[in-house]
Amino acid sequence: MGYGLGVFLLALGLILALAVTDSINGVDLTMVGWILAAAGVLCIVLVAATAASRRRATTVTTHADGTRTVSERNDVPPAV
C-alpha cells in the first residue's frame, strides 16, 4: 500500500461522486464515490504517518559494565 493506491482511490471516488450521472438499480454511485474518496484520503494520511515513523532509528549500545545507552536518530533534515 502506498501513495499510489490512495491517489487512485481518491481520483476514482471523486469521478464517481462528481462526474458520473448514470445510475445502477439499488446503488447510489455518488455515495460510493464519496466513500472511495474518503478511503483514498485516509490511505494517503496513513502512508505519510507510517513513512515519518520509519525515518527514526533507535540504537541500543550495551557497554562492558552492563549499562546501556539508547540513542535515537531522526533522518529528517531540519526545517529552514
C-alpha atoms as a PDB file:
ATOM      1  CA  MET A   1       0.000   0.000   0.000  1.00  0.00           C
ATOM      2  CA  GLY A   2       1.474   3.320  -0.967  1.00  0.00           C
ATOM      3  CA  TYR A   3       0.664   6.797  -2.119  1.00  0.00           C
ATOM      4  CA  GLY A   4      -0.431   5.423  -5.487  1.00  0.00           C
ATOM      5  CA  LEU A   5      -3.310   3.444  -4.012  1.00  0.00           C
ATOM      6  CA  GLY A   6      -4.521   6.475  -2.083  1.00  0.00           C
ATOM      7  CA  VAL A   7      -4.367   8.740  -5.113  1.00  0.00           C
ATOM      8  CA  PHE A   8      -6.148   6.113  -7.225  1.00  0.00           C
ATOM      9  CA  LEU A   9      -8.972   5.720  -4.691  1.00  0.00           C
ATOM     10  CA  LEU A  10      -9.288   9.476  -4.303  1.00  0.00           C
ATOM     11  CA  ALA A  11      -9.452  10.081  -8.062  1.00  0.00           C
ATOM     12  CA  LEU A  12     -11.887   7.225  -8.675  1.00  0.00           C
ATOM     13  CA  GLY A  13     -14.088   8.357  -5.814  1.00  0.00           C
ATOM     14  CA  LEU A  14     -14.202  11.964  -6.961  1.00  0.00           C
ATOM     15  CA  ILE A  15     -15.009  10.879 -10.515  1.00  0.00           C
ATOM     16  CA  LEU A  16     -17.886   8.729  -9.278  1.00  0.00           C
ATOM     17  CA  ALA A  17     -19.137  11.385  -6.867  1.00  0.00           C
ATOM     18  CA  LEU A  18     -18.929  14.410  -9.124  1.00  0.00           C
ATOM     19  CA  ALA A  19     -18.843  13.350 -12.763  1.00  0.00           C
ATOM     20  CA  VAL A  20     -20.923  10.199 -13.208  1.00  0.00           C
ATOM     21  CA  THR A  21     -24.622  10.787 -13.787  1.00  0.00           C
ATOM     22  CA  ASP A  22     -25.617   7.210 -14.634  1.00  0.00           C
ATOM     23  CA  SER A  23     -27.407   5.094 -12.106  1.00  0.00           C
ATOM     24  CA  ILE A  24     -27.372   1.454 -11.133  1.00  0.00           C
ATOM     25  CA  ASN A  25     -30.511  -0.026  -9.667  1.00  0.00           C
ATOM     26  CA  GLY A  26     -30.103  -0.140  -5.884  1.00  0.00           C
ATOM     27  CA  VAL A  27     -26.639   1.511  -5.814  1.00  0.00           C
ATOM     28  CA  ASP A  28     -26.034   5.184  -5.056  1.00  0.00           C
ATOM     29  CA  LEU A  29     -22.916   5.893  -7.133  1.00  0.00           C
ATOM     30  CA  THR A  30     -22.495   9.328  -5.591  1.00  0.00           C
ATOM     31  CA  MET A  31     -22.261   7.858  -2.085  1.00  0.00           C
ATOM     32  CA  VAL A  32     -19.910   5.110  -3.280  1.00  0.00           C
ATOM     33  CA  GLY A  33     -17.744   7.836  -4.805  1.00  0.00           C
ATOM     34  CA  TRP A  34     -17.580   9.833  -1.563  1.00  0.00           C
ATOM     35  CA  ILE A  35     -16.729   6.686   0.389  1.00  0.00           C
ATOM     36  CA  LEU A  36     -13.905   5.843  -2.022  1.00  0.00           C
ATOM     37  CA  ALA A  37     -12.618   9.431  -1.872  1.00  0.00           C
ATOM     38  CA  ALA A  38     -12.583   9.314   1.933  1.00  0.00           C
ATOM     39  CA  ALA A  39     -10.781   5.968   1.842  1.00  0.00           C
ATOM     40  CA  GLY A  40      -8.195   7.464  -0.513  1.00  0.00           C
ATOM     41  CA  VAL A  41      -7.552  10.418   1.792  1.00  0.00           C
ATOM     42  CA  LEU A  42      -7.280   8.065   4.775  1.00  0.00           C
ATOM     43  CA  CYS A  43      -4.810   5.873   2.863  1.00  0.00           C
ATOM     44  CA  ILE A  44      -2.626   8.870   1.977  1.00  0.00           C
ATOM     45  CA  VAL A  45      -2.613  10.084   5.592  1.00  0.00           C
ATOM     46  CA  LEU A  46      -1.745   6.628   6.938  1.00  0.00           C
ATOM     47  CA  VAL A  47       1.098   6.160   4.455  1.00  0.00           C
ATOM     48  CA  ALA A  48       2.509   9.585   5.330  1.00  0.00           C
ATOM     49  CA  ALA A  49       2.302   8.841   9.065  1.00  0.00           C
ATOM     50  CA  THR A  50       3.991   5.455   8.787  1.00  0.00           C
ATOM     51  CA  ALA A  51       6.681   6.824   6.483  1.00  0.00           C
ATOM     52  CA  ALA A  52       7.500   9.506   9.052  1.00  0.00           C
ATOM     53  CA  SER A  53       7.837   6.926  11.821  1.00  0.00           C
ATOM     54  CA  ARG A  54      10.166   4.767   9.706  1.00  0.00           C
ATOM     55  CA  ARG A  55      12.643   7.616   9.371  1.00  0.00           C
ATOM     56  CA  ARG A  56      13.627   7.365  13.034  1.00  0.00           C
ATOM     57  CA  ALA A  57      16.240   4.853  14.093  1.00  0.00           C
ATOM     58  CA  THR A  58      16.904   3.736  17.662  1.00  0.00           C
ATOM     59  CA  THR A  59      20.280   2.261  18.607  1.00  0.00           C
ATOM     60  CA  VAL A  60      20.894   0.467  21.906  1.00  0.00           C
ATOM     61  CA  THR A  61      24.543   0.084  22.917  1.00  0.00           C
ATOM     62  CA  THR A  62      25.476  -2.270  25.751  1.00  0.00           C
ATOM     63  CA  HIS A  63      28.740  -1.375  27.488  1.00  0.00           C
ATOM     64  CA  ALA A  64      31.216  -3.754  29.143  1.00  0.00           C
ATOM     65  CA  ASP A  65      29.961  -2.846  32.624  1.00  0.00           C
ATOM     66  CA  GLY A  66      26.386  -3.835  31.712  1.00  0.00           C
ATOM     67  CA  THR A  67      24.940  -0.358  31.260  1.00  0.00           C
ATOM     68  CA  ARG A  68      23.032   0.537  28.145  1.00  0.00           C
ATOM     69  CA  THR A  69      22.950   3.708  26.105  1.00  0.00           C
ATOM     70  CA  VAL A  70      19.946   4.417  23.896  1.00  0.00           C
ATOM     71  CA  SER A  71      20.352   6.896  21.067  1.00  0.00           C
ATOM     72  CA  GLU A  72      17.656   7.928  18.666  1.00  0.00           C
ATOM     73  CA  ARG A  73      18.452   9.285  15.214  1.00  0.00           C
ATOM     74  CA  ASN A  74      15.997  11.151  13.071  1.00  0.00           C
ATOM     75  CA  ASP A  75      16.823  11.130   9.342  1.00  0.00           C
ATOM     76  CA  VAL A  76      14.551  14.067   8.561  1.00  0.00           C
ATOM     77  CA  PRO A  77      16.562  17.212   7.773  1.00  0.00           C
ATOM     78  CA  PRO A  78      15.816  20.215   9.980  1.00  0.00           C
ATOM     79  CA  ALA A  79      13.367  22.791   8.661  1.00  0.00           C
ATOM     80  CA  VAL A  80      14.954  26.005   7.491  1.00  0.00           C
END
